[in-house]
Structures are given as structure tokens and as C-alpha cells.
Protein backbone atom coordinates (compact mmCIF):
# COMPACT_ATOMS: atom_id res chain seq x y z
CA MET A 1 117.71 58.24 144.80
CA MET A 2 119.49 56.48 147.39
CA VAL A 3 120.36 52.62 148.07
CA SER A 4 121.64 51.27 151.42
CA VAL A 5 123.46 47.70 150.90
CA ARG A 6 124.91 45.83 154.03
CA ALA A 7 127.39 42.95 153.47
CA PRO A 8 129.93 40.92 155.38
CA GLY A 9 133.30 42.22 156.36
CA ALA A 10 134.50 39.72 153.43
CA ARG A 11 132.49 41.15 151.18
CA SER A 12 133.77 44.71 151.47
CA CYS A 13 135.98 44.99 148.10
CA SER A 14 132.52 43.13 146.44
CA LEU A 15 130.59 45.77 147.68
CA ALA A 16 133.03 48.71 146.79
CA LEU A 17 132.78 47.14 142.85
CA LEU A 18 129.24 47.48 143.16
CA ILE A 19 129.06 51.01 144.65
CA VAL A 20 131.18 51.70 141.69
CA ILE A 21 129.43 49.90 139.14
CA LEU A 22 125.87 51.60 139.94
CA THR A 23 127.67 54.49 140.22
CA VAL A 24 128.75 54.36 136.34
CA LEU A 25 125.47 52.76 135.29
CA ARG A 26 123.50 55.51 137.61
CA THR A 27 125.68 58.30 135.46
CA HIS A 28 124.93 56.59 132.50
CA ILE A 29 121.58 56.59 132.34
CA ILE A 30 121.32 60.20 134.08
CA HIS A 31 123.25 61.35 130.86
CA CYS A 32 121.12 59.20 128.26
CA GLY A 33 118.07 60.64 130.17
CA ASP A 34 118.91 63.91 129.37
CA PRO A 35 116.16 65.63 127.76
CA PRO A 36 116.73 66.54 123.61
CA ALA A 37 117.65 70.01 123.00
CA VAL A 38 115.08 72.60 122.15
CA PHE A 39 113.07 72.24 118.74
CA LEU A 40 111.66 75.57 117.20
CA PHE A 41 108.87 74.88 115.31
CA GLN A 42 107.69 77.87 113.39
CA GLU A 43 104.74 78.35 110.50
CA LYS A 44 104.69 81.59 108.52
CA ALA A 45 101.85 82.50 106.37
CA GLU A 46 102.79 85.46 103.60
CA CYS A 47 100.66 87.09 100.85
CA HIS A 48 102.19 88.28 97.58
CA PHE A 49 100.96 90.63 95.33
CA GLY A 50 101.28 93.08 92.60
CA ASP A 51 99.99 96.76 91.97
CA GLY A 52 96.59 97.55 93.17
CA GLY A 53 96.31 93.86 94.91
CA GLN A 54 96.84 92.00 91.70
CA GLY A 55 98.23 88.43 91.24
CA MET A 56 97.15 88.00 95.21
CA ARG A 57 99.22 84.41 96.34
CA TYR A 58 99.18 82.77 99.42
CA LEU A 59 102.25 81.27 100.75
CA GLN A 60 102.63 79.11 103.96
CA ARG A 61 106.39 78.06 104.90
CA ASP A 62 106.96 75.75 107.59
CA PHE A 63 110.71 75.71 109.53
CA ILE A 64 112.16 73.50 112.05
CA ASN A 65 115.03 74.84 113.81
CA ARG A 66 115.22 77.68 111.24
CA GLU A 67 115.31 75.06 108.44
CA GLU A 68 112.50 75.18 106.00
CA VAL A 69 111.05 71.64 105.84
CA ALA A 70 107.61 72.59 103.84
CA TYR A 71 105.50 74.78 102.06
CA PHE A 72 102.06 75.57 100.61
CA ASP A 73 102.03 77.57 97.38
CA SER A 74 98.30 78.71 96.39
CA ASP A 75 99.76 78.99 92.56
CA ILE A 76 100.70 75.52 92.13
CA GLY A 77 97.50 74.16 95.01
CA HIS A 78 99.65 71.93 97.27
CA PHE A 79 102.20 71.16 99.72
CA VAL A 80 105.69 70.51 98.68
CA GLY A 81 108.85 68.99 101.05
CA ARG A 82 112.03 70.76 100.87
CA THR A 83 113.28 68.04 103.59
CA GLU A 84 113.52 64.14 104.10
CA LEU A 85 110.79 64.84 107.03
CA GLY A 86 109.03 67.78 104.90
CA VAL A 87 108.81 65.70 102.48
CA VAL A 88 106.71 62.90 104.76
CA GLN A 89 104.63 65.69 106.31
CA ALA A 90 103.96 67.36 102.88
CA ASP A 91 102.21 63.89 101.49
CA GLN A 92 100.02 63.60 104.42
CA TRP A 93 98.67 67.09 104.13
CA ASN A 94 98.42 66.16 100.49
CA ASN A 95 96.15 63.16 100.91
CA ASP A 96 93.74 65.22 103.43
CA THR A 97 91.54 66.81 100.79
CA ALA A 98 89.94 69.06 104.13
CA ILE A 99 93.64 70.55 104.57
CA LEU A 100 94.17 71.49 100.74
CA GLU A 101 90.71 72.92 100.42
CA ASP A 102 91.18 75.15 103.81
CA ARG A 103 94.80 76.67 102.34
CA ARG A 104 93.30 76.95 98.62
CA ALA A 105 90.82 78.99 100.63
CA GLU A 106 93.62 81.33 101.95
CA VAL A 107 93.81 83.44 99.04
CA GLU A 108 90.07 84.93 99.66
CA ARG A 109 89.60 84.54 103.20
CA PHE A 110 93.18 86.36 104.43
CA CYS A 111 94.99 87.69 102.27
CA LYS A 112 92.15 89.56 99.81
CA TYR A 113 90.56 90.54 103.20
CA ASN A 114 94.06 91.57 105.31
CA TYR A 115 94.24 93.41 101.89
CA GLY A 116 91.46 95.55 102.30
CA VAL A 117 91.82 96.41 105.74
CA PHE A 118 95.23 97.70 105.28
CA LYS A 119 95.36 99.19 102.10
CA PRO A 120 94.34 102.82 103.55
CA PHE A 121 97.42 102.44 105.77
CA THR A 122 99.88 100.88 103.38
CA GLU A 123 99.46 101.40 99.87
CA GLU A 124 97.22 104.52 100.01
CA ARG A 125 99.46 106.27 102.28
CA ARG A 126 100.47 109.17 101.45
CA VAL A 127 103.08 111.41 103.35
CA PRO A 128 104.53 114.73 101.87
CA PRO A 129 108.53 115.47 101.82
CA LYS A 130 110.06 118.26 103.56
CA VAL A 131 112.98 119.97 101.81
CA LYS A 132 115.69 121.76 103.46
CA ILE A 133 118.73 123.17 101.02
CA THR A 134 122.31 123.27 102.75
CA PRO A 135 125.14 125.42 101.11
CA THR A 136 128.82 124.33 102.24
CA LYS A 137 132.29 124.75 101.02
CA SER A 138 134.29 122.04 99.63
CA PHE A 139 137.19 120.97 101.03
CA GLY A 140 140.31 122.93 99.78
CA LEU A 141 138.04 124.94 97.41
CA GLU A 142 138.12 128.56 98.12
CA HIS A 143 134.92 129.22 95.67
CA GLN A 144 133.58 125.76 95.07
CA SER A 145 130.54 124.55 97.03
CA LEU A 146 128.12 122.05 98.00
CA LEU A 147 125.01 122.03 97.81
CA VAL A 148 122.65 119.95 99.66
CA CYS A 149 118.93 119.28 99.02
CA ILE A 150 117.63 116.90 102.04
CA VAL A 151 114.20 115.43 101.23
CA SER A 152 112.65 113.73 104.42
CA GLY A 153 109.68 112.80 106.11
CA PHE A 154 107.90 111.38 102.71
CA PHE A 155 106.37 107.91 101.68
CA PRO A 156 105.93 106.09 99.61
CA SER A 157 109.66 105.75 98.87
CA GLU A 158 109.57 106.31 95.49
CA ILE A 159 110.49 109.95 94.71
CA GLN A 160 112.66 112.14 91.48
CA VAL A 161 114.76 115.02 93.31
CA LYS A 162 116.39 117.19 90.64
CA TRP A 163 118.98 119.85 91.18
CA MET A 164 118.86 123.11 88.23
CA ARG A 165 120.52 126.10 87.92
CA ASN A 166 118.84 129.18 86.63
CA GLY A 167 116.51 127.06 85.11
CA VAL A 168 118.65 124.67 83.27
CA GLU A 169 118.74 121.17 85.13
CA GLU A 170 122.05 119.65 86.27
CA SER A 171 123.41 116.42 85.75
CA SER A 172 126.66 116.01 87.70
CA VAL A 173 124.15 115.22 91.05
CA VAL A 174 124.82 113.03 93.59
CA TYR A 175 122.58 111.21 95.28
CA ALA A 176 123.31 109.84 99.01
CA GLU A 177 121.31 106.10 99.64
CA LEU A 178 118.18 106.10 100.58
CA LEU A 179 117.48 106.08 104.35
CA GLN A 180 114.47 104.97 105.84
CA ASN A 181 113.07 106.64 109.06
CA GLY A 182 112.02 104.87 112.44
CA ASP A 183 108.57 106.49 111.62
CA TRP A 184 107.98 104.90 108.34
CA THR A 185 109.12 107.60 106.23
CA TYR A 186 112.23 108.00 104.00
CA ARG A 187 114.78 110.49 103.32
CA VAL A 188 117.32 111.03 100.61
CA ASP A 189 119.99 113.78 100.27
CA ALA A 190 120.55 115.30 96.46
CA ILE A 191 124.06 116.84 96.51
CA LEU A 192 125.39 119.02 93.98
CA GLU A 193 128.77 120.47 93.06
CA THR A 194 129.16 123.85 91.89
CA VAL A 195 131.00 127.06 91.92
CA PRO A 196 128.18 130.02 92.54
CA GLU A 197 128.31 133.37 91.09
CA HIS A 198 126.30 136.51 91.29
CA GLY A 199 123.16 136.59 90.24
CA ASP A 200 122.53 133.01 89.64
CA THR A 201 119.48 130.76 91.18
CA TYR A 202 119.68 127.73 92.29
CA THR A 203 116.08 124.92 92.31
CA CYS A 204 115.81 121.94 94.62
CA GLU A 205 112.52 120.40 92.25
CA VAL A 206 111.02 117.31 94.27
CA GLU A 207 108.66 115.21 92.66
CA HIS A 208 105.97 113.12 94.76
CA SER A 209 102.99 111.20 94.69
CA SER A 210 101.68 112.93 97.73
CA LEU A 211 102.03 116.03 95.78
CA GLN A 212 99.87 117.31 93.21
CA GLN A 213 102.66 119.67 92.00
CA PRO A 214 106.34 119.93 92.33
CA LEU A 215 107.82 121.36 95.28
CA ARG A 216 110.41 123.96 94.85
CA MET A 217 112.97 125.05 97.24
CA GLU A 218 115.50 128.28 95.43
CA TRP A 219 118.84 129.35 96.88
CA GLU A 220 120.77 132.38 95.70
CA PRO A 221 124.25 133.04 96.58
CA GLU A 222 123.19 136.59 97.97
CA THR A 223 120.42 135.05 100.02
CA SER A 224 122.81 132.73 102.00
CA GLU A 225 123.02 131.95 105.38
CA SER A 226 126.90 133.05 104.95
CA ALA A 227 125.50 136.26 103.00
CA ARG A 228 122.82 137.14 105.64
CA SER A 229 125.13 136.61 108.24
CA LYS A 230 127.35 139.33 106.67
CA LEU A 231 124.71 141.89 105.52
CA LEU A 232 123.41 142.16 109.02
CA THR A 233 126.90 142.40 110.98
CA GLY A 234 126.95 145.45 108.23
CA ILE A 235 123.65 146.71 109.46
CA VAL A 236 124.04 146.54 113.26
CA GLY A 237 127.64 148.08 112.58
CA PHE A 238 126.07 150.92 110.76
CA VAL A 239 123.72 151.22 113.63
CA LEU A 240 126.07 151.55 116.15
CA GLY A 241 128.40 153.60 114.49
CA ALA A 242 125.45 156.57 113.55
CA VAL A 243 124.41 155.94 117.79
CA PHE A 244 128.08 156.58 118.56
CA ILE A 245 128.22 159.84 116.32
CA THR A 246 125.01 161.23 116.90
CA VAL A 247 125.66 160.93 120.86
CA GLY A 248 128.99 162.51 120.37
CA LEU A 249 127.72 165.21 118.71
CA ILE A 250 125.51 165.97 121.24
CA ILE A 251 128.24 166.11 124.35
CA TYR A 252 129.86 168.36 121.95
CA LEU A 253 127.55 170.74 121.46
CA LYS A 254 126.27 171.00 125.02
CA SER A 255 129.94 171.51 126.00
CA LYS A 256 130.07 174.27 123.51
CA LYS A 257 126.42 175.84 124.71
CA GLY A 258 128.00 175.83 128.11
CA THR A 259 131.50 177.63 127.76
CA THR A 260 130.05 180.29 125.50
CA GLN A 261 129.89 183.65 127.70
CA LEU A 262 127.02 186.05 127.02
CA ARG A 263 128.16 189.96 126.48
CA ILE A 264 125.64 192.62 126.99
CA PRO A 265 126.06 195.85 125.69
CA PRO A 266 126.31 198.91 128.79
CA ASN A 267 123.08 201.29 128.74
CA GLU A 268 124.58 204.43 129.21
CA GLY A 269 121.16 205.79 129.90
CA LEU A 270 120.42 203.93 132.67
CA LEU A 271 123.89 204.79 134.77
CA SER A 272 123.40 208.54 134.08
């Protein structure tokens, strides 16, 4: 907004003062007229229940700028204020019979209904685990090894993993932290520190609700990756050696046959 004021020269100082006053007042008015900070109101609806949907409970929580101001709990049947504003608001809602009846009905209408809809994809969801054994050498120890049983891709998260040596359960097993994958499955590693001996059999046994019987993965020192690599190297070396010997023998025999002279005894009757 622009304001134009004209005055005689004698009043120029008064005019300048008036302009300064108007500028200060305008600045103050603009400052007071600034819009307030953004206020965020959130309402969260939660359903709490035990195994099989038992003890269903509906909880509505109201937040202003991330601070909970009031909530409704179906177990107590009314609103409860947590702040000064929340207490005032809770009293208003508690005096409204229609609002209270509506919130109390949310246990059947909202919680139990959605529990039945999502139950096949949540509580009843079962994904069997995948098991892999990875042997590694312990740092600084020549004969001691770490056997890592990697169990991944399972749901739900409850699982039992055991290490057994020659059918006897090992007690010195270290379990890594349970990890949640991005595809709504889990992973856990069971680590066994041991000294493998010839003839030993190690078994990683996994029990999970998705399995009708325990899943077992075996590992033996002779069938380990290192042993198979050495065995393969030996077989390849043996085959190559046999090929070289065979080729050399053939060349030798051919060269010997080419230098042999055939002597034919003279036929005296033919010459006469």
C-alpha cells in the first residue's frame, strides 16, 4: 500500500517524522500480522491383541506437533487428556454420548474386522527358511575353524537353530543379531568355533513353524570346499599326467618304428 502526503516546506520536518512513524508502525503491523508457525494435528488408531486375536483393544491417540494431548482406550471406555488442552477436549468428547458409542464400537467394527482380513497375510503367514553352511579359518589359528550356519528368508521371526557334532549338540554356539530383511523375512547366523577332525560330521538343525520336521544341513571336513578343491586339483593333475605319458609313449614308438631296418635274407635259388 502506498500513501502520498504533501505539505508546505515549513512542515517538511514534521512530514519526515510522520513518514518514519508510519514506517515503524507499518513494520510492527506486518510483524504482528505474520502467520503463526505450522501446527500439525495427528490422529492414530491402533489395535492391540494377543495370540489368536484374544484381548482385542482399540486405542485412538491424538497429537499436536508430535505431543500426545489425549487418547481413547476401549479398555476404560472414555477419553483421557494428557495436556491442559487435551483435558478440555477429553471432557467435551466424554460428554457427547454419540462420540463415546462410536469409539466403543471400533473394537468390533475396525479391529476385529481388519484382523480377519489381514490374518492370512500376517499371523498365518509362513515362509520356510533357507540354510547354508560357510566354513572359515579362525584368525591366528591354523587348525581351528568357524562354521557359520546362515539361516535366512523365514517368517515369522521365532526360530531355533542348533549345531551338532557327531549327533551331539554343541553348547558353545554364538548367535548373531536377528536381522529383518526388506521383503518382510528374517535372517540369523549361528557360529560354531571348533577343530574339525577326520571323520567328524557337523549338522546345523533348524526348527521353524513353517516346517513339518526339523531342517538339517550337514558338513564334513572331507566334503568341505577346501577338500573338494584339493581333490579336484589332484584329479586334474592325474588326468593331465596320464595324457602326457600316453602321447609321449606314442611318439616314442613311432620314432623307433621309423628307424628300424628290415633285413631280407638273399634267395640263392633266384640268383642262380
